[in-house]
C-alpha atoms as a PDB file:
ATOM      1  CA  MET A   1    -153.937 120.280  70.904  1.00  0.00           C
ATOM      2  CA  MET A   2    -150.254 120.193  68.951  1.00  0.00           C
ATOM      3  CA  PHE A   3    -151.050 122.096  66.116  1.00  0.00           C
ATOM      4  CA  PRO A   4    -154.335 124.244  66.756  1.00  0.00           C
ATOM      5  CA  ASP A   5    -153.866 126.685  63.624  1.00  0.00           C
ATOM      6  CA  VAL A   6    -153.752 123.946  61.163  1.00  0.00           C
ATOM      7  CA  LYS A   7    -157.220 123.573  59.646  1.00  0.00           C
ATOM      8  CA  ILE A   8    -156.351 121.478  56.085  1.00  0.00           C
ATOM      9  CA  PHE A   9    -155.400 117.509  56.375  1.00  0.00           C
ATOM     10  CA  ILE A  10    -153.258 116.933  53.519  1.00  0.00           C
ATOM     11  CA  TRP A  11    -152.921 112.507  53.940  1.00  0.00           C
ATOM     12  CA  ASP A  12    -150.645 110.890  51.527  1.00  0.00           C
ATOM     13  CA  PHE A  13    -152.034 107.766  50.399  1.00  0.00           C
ATOM     14  CA  ASP A  14    -150.105 104.637  50.036  1.00  0.00           C
ATOM     15  CA  GLY A  15    -148.574 103.830  53.139  1.00  0.00           C
ATOM     16  CA  THR A  16    -149.633 106.231  54.796  1.00  0.00           C
ATOM     17  CA  LEU A  17    -154.295 105.601  55.205  1.00  0.00           C
ATOM     18  CA  TYR A  18    -152.699 102.272  55.433  1.00  0.00           C
ATOM     19  CA  LYS A  19    -149.140  99.848  55.817  1.00  0.00           C
ATOM     20  CA  PRO A  20    -148.893  97.603  53.202  1.00  0.00           C
ATOM     21  CA  ASN A  21    -148.362  93.999  54.155  1.00  0.00           C
ATOM     22  CA  ARG A  22    -145.525  92.001  52.516  1.00  0.00           C
ATOM     23  CA  ASP A  23    -147.412  90.752  49.380  1.00  0.00           C
ATOM     24  CA  LEU A  24    -148.755  93.552  48.260  1.00  0.00           C
ATOM     25  CA  PHE A  25    -145.458  95.781  48.465  1.00  0.00           C
ATOM     26  CA  HIS A  26    -143.743  92.928  46.613  1.00  0.00           C
ATOM     27  CA  ALA A  27    -147.392  92.940  43.955  1.00  0.00           C
ATOM     28  CA  VAL A  28    -146.280  96.712  43.755  1.00  0.00           C
ATOM     29  CA  ARG A  29    -142.944  96.141  43.109  1.00  0.00           C
ATOM     30  CA  GLU A  30    -143.621  94.099  40.289  1.00  0.00           C
ATOM     31  CA  GLY A  31    -145.674  96.222  39.017  1.00  0.00           C
ATOM     32  CA  GLU A  32    -143.221  98.873  38.491  1.00  0.00           C
ATOM     33  CA  TYR A  33    -140.535  95.895  37.117  1.00  0.00           C
ATOM     34  CA  ARG A  34    -143.325  94.743  34.679  1.00  0.00           C
ATOM     35  CA  THR A  35    -143.674  98.587  33.051  1.00  0.00           C
ATOM     36  CA  ILE A  36    -139.879  98.366  32.809  1.00  0.00           C
ATOM     37  CA  MET A  37    -139.688  95.618  30.907  1.00  0.00           C
ATOM     38  CA  GLU A  38    -142.918  96.417  29.068  1.00  0.00           C
ATOM     39  CA  LEU A  39    -141.953 100.134  27.397  1.00  0.00           C
ATOM     40  CA  THR A  40    -137.842  99.219  27.285  1.00  0.00           C
ATOM     41  CA  HIS A  41    -138.018  95.355  26.521  1.00  0.00           C
ATOM     42  CA  ARG A  42    -135.542  94.758  29.487  1.00  0.00           C
ATOM     43  CA  THR A  43    -135.123  91.616  31.245  1.00  0.00           C
ATOM     44  CA  ARG A  44    -136.210  91.444  34.068  1.00  0.00           C
ATOM     45  CA  ASP A  45    -133.044  91.207  35.452  1.00  0.00           C
ATOM     46  CA  ALA A  46    -131.850  94.038  33.372  1.00  0.00           C
ATOM     47  CA  ALA A  47    -135.139  95.878  34.505  1.00  0.00           C
ATOM     48  CA  ILE A  48    -134.050  95.737  38.632  1.00  0.00           C
ATOM     49  CA  THR A  49    -130.742  96.284  38.008  1.00  0.00           C
ATOM     50  CA  GLU A  50    -131.834  99.388  36.313  1.00  0.00           C
ATOM     51  CA  PHE A  51    -134.138 100.709  38.819  1.00  0.00           C
ATOM     52  CA  GLU A  52    -132.152  99.423  42.105  1.00  0.00           C
ATOM     53  CA  LYS A  53    -129.369 101.646  39.960  1.00  0.00           C
ATOM     54  CA  LEU A  54    -131.929 105.108  40.324  1.00  0.00           C
ATOM     55  CA  TYR A  55    -134.365 103.968  43.053  1.00  0.00           C
ATOM     56  CA  LYS A  56    -133.969 106.322  46.667  1.00  0.00           C
ATOM     57  CA  LYS A  57    -130.396 107.833  44.930  1.00  0.00           C
ATOM     58  CA  ALA A  58    -130.970 109.609  42.126  1.00  0.00           C
ATOM     59  CA  THR A  59    -134.501 109.973  42.070  1.00  0.00           C
ATOM     60  CA  PRO A  60    -136.692 109.377  45.633  1.00  0.00           C
ATOM     61  CA  SER A  61    -140.237 108.395  44.180  1.00  0.00           C
ATOM     62  CA  ALA A  62    -140.431 104.530  42.782  1.00  0.00           C
ATOM     63  CA  THR A  63    -143.498 106.218  39.952  1.00  0.00           C
ATOM     64  CA  GLN A  64    -140.673 108.740  39.268  1.00  0.00           C
ATOM     65  CA  THR A  65    -137.864 106.129  39.148  1.00  0.00           C
ATOM     66  CA  VAL A  66    -139.694 104.188  36.132  1.00  0.00           C
ATOM     67  CA  ALA A  67    -141.141 107.280  34.288  1.00  0.00           C
ATOM     68  CA  LYS A  68    -137.201 108.393  33.970  1.00  0.00           C
ATOM     69  CA  ILE A  69    -136.176 105.263  33.010  1.00  0.00           C
ATOM     70  CA  CYS A  70    -138.957 104.262  30.436  1.00  0.00           C
ATOM     71  CA  GLY A  71    -138.945 108.001  29.148  1.00  0.00           C
ATOM     72  CA  ILE A  72    -142.890 109.513  30.363  1.00  0.00           C
ATOM     73  CA  THR A  73    -144.279 111.297  32.256  1.00  0.00           C
ATOM     74  CA  THR A  74    -144.827 109.672  35.756  1.00  0.00           C
ATOM     75  CA  THR A  75    -148.824 110.624  35.225  1.00  0.00           C
ATOM     76  CA  GLU A  76    -147.716 107.536  32.499  1.00  0.00           C
ATOM     77  CA  ALA A  77    -146.122 105.458  35.123  1.00  0.00           C
ATOM     78  CA  ALA A  78    -148.649 105.510  37.324  1.00  0.00           C
ATOM     79  CA  LEU A  79    -151.199 104.711  34.912  1.00  0.00           C
ATOM     80  CA  TYR A  80    -149.050 101.570  33.575  1.00  0.00           C
ATOM     81  CA  MET A  81    -148.052 100.613  37.376  1.00  0.00           C
ATOM     82  CA  GLU A  82    -151.627 100.235  38.121  1.00  0.00           C
ATOM     83  CA  LYS A  83    -152.293  97.659  35.216  1.00  0.00           C
ATOM     84  CA  TYR A  84    -150.110  94.934  37.447  1.00  0.00           C
ATOM     85  CA  TYR A  85    -151.411  94.668  40.876  1.00  0.00           C
ATOM     86  CA  ASP A  86    -154.838  95.536  42.706  1.00  0.00           C
ATOM     87  CA  ARG A  87    -154.209  96.525  45.923  1.00  0.00           C
ATOM     88  CA  ARG A  88    -157.749  95.891  47.126  1.00  0.00           C
ATOM     89  CA  ILE A  89    -157.431  91.924  47.647  1.00  0.00           C
ATOM     90  CA  PHE A  90    -155.023  92.759  49.515  1.00  0.00           C
ATOM     91  CA  LEU A  91    -157.158  95.145  51.965  1.00  0.00           C
ATOM     92  CA  GLN A  92    -160.339  95.014  54.021  1.00  0.00           C
ATOM     93  CA  LYS A  93    -161.872  96.981  56.244  1.00  0.00           C
ATOM     94  CA  ASP A  94    -160.085  99.095  58.596  1.00  0.00           C
ATOM     95  CA  GLU A  95    -162.551 100.496  61.898  1.00  0.00           C
ATOM     96  CA  LYS A  96    -159.412 102.013  63.653  1.00  0.00           C
ATOM     97  CA  LEU A  97    -158.500 104.226  60.400  1.00  0.00           C
ATOM     98  CA  VAL A  98    -163.407 105.124  60.147  1.00  0.00           C
ATOM     99  CA  ALA A  99    -162.894 105.581  63.783  1.00  0.00           C
ATOM    100  CA  LEU A 100    -160.172 108.356  62.607  1.00  0.00           C
ATOM    101  CA  PHE A 101    -161.580 110.076  60.276  1.00  0.00           C
ATOM    102  CA  LYS A 102    -165.033 110.464  62.900  1.00  0.00           C
ATOM    103  CA  GLU A 103    -163.005 111.787  65.607  1.00  0.00           C
ATOM    104  CA  LEU A 104    -161.396 114.884  62.922  1.00  0.00           C
ATOM    105  CA  LYS A 105    -164.169 115.245  61.054  1.00  0.00           C
ATOM    106  CA  ASP A 106    -164.434 118.616  61.817  1.00  0.00           C
ATOM    107  CA  VAL A 107    -161.520 119.267  59.417  1.00  0.00           C
ATOM    108  CA  THR A 108    -161.023 119.655  55.605  1.00  0.00           C
ATOM    109  CA  HIS A 109    -159.103 116.752  54.369  1.00  0.00           C
ATOM    110  CA  TYR A 110    -157.810 116.534  50.919  1.00  0.00           C
ATOM    111  CA  ILE A 111    -155.352 113.471  49.846  1.00  0.00           C
ATOM    112  CA  LEU A 112    -152.519 114.232  47.889  1.00  0.00           C
ATOM    113  CA  ALA A 113    -151.144 111.058  46.552  1.00  0.00           C
ATOM    114  CA  ASN A 114    -148.492 109.108  42.948  1.00  0.00           C
ATOM    115  CA  GLY A 115    -151.721 107.025  42.373  1.00  0.00           C
ATOM    116  CA  VAL A 116    -154.438 107.085  40.103  1.00  0.00           C
ATOM    117  CA  LYS A 117    -158.173 108.792  41.576  1.00  0.00           C
ATOM    118  CA  TYR A 118    -160.175 106.294  40.547  1.00  0.00           C
ATOM    119  CA  ARG A 119    -157.814 103.303  42.042  1.00  0.00           C
ATOM    120  CA  ILE A 120    -157.523 105.708  44.878  1.00  0.00           C
ATOM    121  CA  GLU A 121    -161.531 105.817  45.257  1.00  0.00           C
ATOM    122  CA  GLU A 122    -161.560 102.157  44.727  1.00  0.00           C
ATOM    123  CA  THR A 123    -159.904 101.742  47.661  1.00  0.00           C
ATOM    124  CA  LEU A 124    -161.074 104.077  50.129  1.00  0.00           C
ATOM    125  CA  ASN A 125    -164.307 101.767  49.830  1.00  0.00           C
ATOM    126  CA  ILE A 126    -162.562  98.900  50.268  1.00  0.00           C
ATOM    127  CA  LEU A 127    -160.699 100.374  53.756  1.00  0.00           C
ATOM    128  CA  GLY A 128    -164.959 101.450  55.079  1.00  0.00           C
ATOM    129  CA  LEU A 129    -163.966 105.311  53.791  1.00  0.00           C
ATOM    130  CA  SER A 130    -165.952 107.643  51.167  1.00  0.00           C
ATOM    131  CA  PRO A 131    -164.048 109.420  48.435  1.00  0.00           C
ATOM    132  CA  ASN A 132    -166.557 112.449  49.863  1.00  0.00           C
ATOM    133  CA  ILE A 133    -164.592 112.237  53.302  1.00  0.00           C
ATOM    134  CA  PHE A 134    -162.097 114.238  51.095  1.00  0.00           C
ATOM    135  CA  ARG A 135    -162.486 117.352  49.505  1.00  0.00           C
ATOM    136  CA  GLU A 136    -159.980 116.292  46.864  1.00  0.00           C
ATOM    137  CA  ILE A 137    -157.981 113.628  45.729  1.00  0.00           C
ATOM    138  CA  VAL A 138    -154.942 115.616  44.142  1.00  0.00           C
ATOM    139  CA  THR A 139    -153.523 113.335  42.035  1.00  0.00           C
ATOM    140  CA  SER A 140    -150.423 113.727  38.877  1.00  0.00           C
ATOM    141  CA  GLU A 141    -153.893 113.583  36.954  1.00  0.00           C
ATOM    142  CA  LEU A 142    -154.258 116.977  37.827  1.00  0.00           C
ATOM    143  CA  SER A 143    -151.387 118.124  39.228  1.00  0.00           C
ATOM    144  CA  GLY A 144    -149.282 117.606  36.768  1.00  0.00           C
ATOM    145  CA  GLU A 145    -146.630 115.989  38.372  1.00  0.00           C
ATOM    146  CA  ASN A 146    -146.047 113.583  41.250  1.00  0.00           C
ATOM    147  CA  LYS A 147    -144.570 114.050  44.719  1.00  0.00           C
ATOM    148  CA  PRO A 148    -141.632 115.298  45.359  1.00  0.00           C
ATOM    149  CA  SER A 149    -142.567 117.910  42.844  1.00  0.00           C
ATOM    150  CA  ASP A 150    -144.297 120.846  44.855  1.00  0.00           C
ATOM    151  CA  LYS A 151    -146.383 121.128  41.873  1.00  0.00           C
ATOM    152  CA  GLY A 152    -149.792 119.268  43.842  1.00  0.00           C
ATOM    153  CA  PHE A 153    -148.919 120.947  47.387  1.00  0.00           C
ATOM    154  CA  LYS A 154    -149.477 124.674  45.246  1.00  0.00           C
ATOM    155  CA  TYR A 155    -152.252 123.002  43.406  1.00  0.00           C
ATOM    156  CA  ILE A 156    -154.453 122.520  47.496  1.00  0.00           C
ATOM    157  CA  LEU A 157    -152.749 125.536  48.583  1.00  0.00           C
ATOM    158  CA  GLU A 158    -154.492 127.469  46.005  1.00  0.00           C
ATOM    159  CA  LYS A 159    -157.701 125.442  46.656  1.00  0.00           C
ATOM    160  CA  THR A 160    -157.599 126.490  50.445  1.00  0.00           C
ATOM    161  CA  LYS A 161    -156.628 130.407  50.175  1.00  0.00           C
ATOM    162  CA  LEU A 162    -154.851 129.630  53.599  1.00  0.00           C
ATOM    163  CA  PRO A 163    -151.277 130.152  54.712  1.00  0.00           C
ATOM    164  CA  PRO A 164    -149.119 127.104  54.000  1.00  0.00           C
ATOM    165  CA  SER A 165    -149.027 127.134  58.070  1.00  0.00           C
ATOM    166  CA  ALA A 166    -153.084 126.088  58.092  1.00  0.00           C
ATOM    167  CA  HIS A 167    -152.105 122.434  56.367  1.00  0.00           C
ATOM    168  CA  ILE A 168    -150.350 119.474  57.842  1.00  0.00           C
ATOM    169  CA  MET A 169    -148.631 116.909  55.294  1.00  0.00           C
ATOM    170  CA  ILE A 170    -149.294 113.418  56.985  1.00  0.00           C
ATOM    171  CA  GLY A 171    -147.216 110.444  55.102  1.00  0.00           C
ATOM    172  CA  ASP A 172    -145.040 107.800  55.301  1.00  0.00           C
ATOM    173  CA  ARG A 173    -141.406 109.051  53.672  1.00  0.00           C
ATOM    174  CA  GLU A 174    -139.391 112.227  54.358  1.00  0.00           C
ATOM    175  CA  ALA A 175    -138.034 112.264  50.257  1.00  0.00           C
ATOM    176  CA  VAL A 176    -141.580 112.170  48.794  1.00  0.00           C
ATOM    177  CA  ASP A 177    -144.079 113.367  51.229  1.00  0.00           C
ATOM    178  CA  LEU A 178    -142.615 116.110  53.572  1.00  0.00           C
ATOM    179  CA  ALA A 179    -139.614 117.365  52.597  1.00  0.00           C
ATOM    180  CA  PRO A 180    -141.669 119.275  49.895  1.00  0.00           C
ATOM    181  CA  ALA A 181    -145.022 120.606  52.416  1.00  0.00           C
ATOM    182  CA  LYS A 182    -142.046 121.412  55.033  1.00  0.00           C
ATOM    183  CA  THR A 183    -140.084 123.599  52.440  1.00  0.00           C
ATOM    184  CA  LEU A 184    -143.601 125.546  51.464  1.00  0.00           C
ATOM    185  CA  GLY A 185    -144.163 126.308  55.633  1.00  0.00           C
ATOM    186  CA  MET A 186    -146.846 123.199  56.175  1.00  0.00           C
ATOM    187  CA  HIS A 187    -146.573 121.316  58.996  1.00  0.00           C
ATOM    188  CA  THR A 188    -145.651 117.949  58.529  1.00  0.00           C
ATOM    189  CA  CYS A 189    -146.208 114.530  60.520  1.00  0.00           C
ATOM    190  CA  LEU A 190    -144.302 111.107  60.112  1.00  0.00           C
ATOM    191  CA  VAL A 191    -146.270 107.958  60.728  1.00  0.00           C
ATOM    192  CA  TRP A 192    -145.737 104.834  60.652  1.00  0.00           C
ATOM    193  CA  SER A 193    -142.627 104.948  62.373  1.00  0.00           C
ATOM    194  CA  ASP A 194    -140.497 103.756  65.086  1.00  0.00           C
ATOM    195  CA  ILE A 195    -137.427 106.314  64.451  1.00  0.00           C
ATOM    196  CA  LYS A 196    -137.206 110.022  65.098  1.00  0.00           C
ATOM    197  CA  SER A 197    -137.870 112.378  61.733  1.00  0.00           C
ATOM    198  CA  ALA A 198    -135.132 114.630  61.607  1.00  0.00           C
ATOM    199  CA  ILE A 199    -137.111 116.847  58.815  1.00  0.00           C
ATOM    200  CA  SER A 200    -140.737 116.650  60.520  1.00  0.00           C
ATOM    201  CA  ASP A 201    -142.534 117.911  63.012  1.00  0.00           C
ATOM    202  CA  VAL A 202    -143.849 114.982  64.738  1.00  0.00           C
ATOM    203  CA  THR A 203    -143.183 111.227  64.094  1.00  0.00           C
ATOM    204  CA  LEU A 204    -146.186 108.418  64.956  1.00  0.00           C
ATOM    205  CA  PRO A 205    -145.231 104.626  65.307  1.00  0.00           C
ATOM    206  CA  SER A 206    -149.249 104.219  63.380  1.00  0.00           C
ATOM    207  CA  VAL A 207    -151.596 106.762  61.778  1.00  0.00           C
ATOM    208  CA  TYR A 208    -154.037 105.883  64.165  1.00  0.00           C
ATOM    209  CA  GLU A 209    -152.173 108.137  66.466  1.00  0.00           C
ATOM    210  CA  ILE A 210    -153.652 111.270  64.695  1.00  0.00           C
ATOM    211  CA  PRO A 211    -156.568 112.200  66.570  1.00  0.00           C
ATOM    212  CA  SER A 212    -154.822 112.953  70.011  1.00  0.00           C
ATOM    213  CA  LEU A 213    -152.315 115.665  68.552  1.00  0.00           C
ATOM    214  CA  PHE A 214    -155.701 117.646  67.655  1.00  0.00           C
ATOM    215  CA  VAL A 215    -158.206 115.753  69.599  1.00  0.00           C
ATOM    216  CA  THR A 216    -158.947 117.547  72.987  1.00  0.00           C
ATOM    217  CA  SER A 217    -160.848 116.111  75.593  1.00  0.00           C
END
């Protein structure tokens, strides 16, 4: 068992509990562009140019990028973008994911995501997971800011009353999901990567290997 002190699992959602296919990726990106176009009255080309100027340069999160360009909060940006795509039509039940959470049924799970709570709940049902598996689904609707802000992480620490080392953050983005958790003293796991992370405690090729770090035969 690699992390014997971990009692709390914190999961990113999009890109972590499922790996986006190309069509979903393009739908999400188009939602980001269309939000910028609607709120700033830019042309599509101008919206793309401004987005690419900031994303992963000045702002590590796409939601942050849209919020900055449009002069709105990240919560407002997330709500706007969700109008333009429905991730559920790109996904289906994932039996391997269902099995994963059955193996980890004895630990406490949270989701900490940059999406909208009710959309996350709807998508969990499509994937075959009950939202009740998770103690709480934490978004900027609760914490006030999206990742990489540490507010959501601190919100969960307040809830659990446990030291940071009792938590592990599982995500697919180093700068957005893992760096803030590591700064607070949490364990970290990068998933869906074949390149070893320089900052994460462990790197896995998919989310399905998570139980191997915790479940002993």
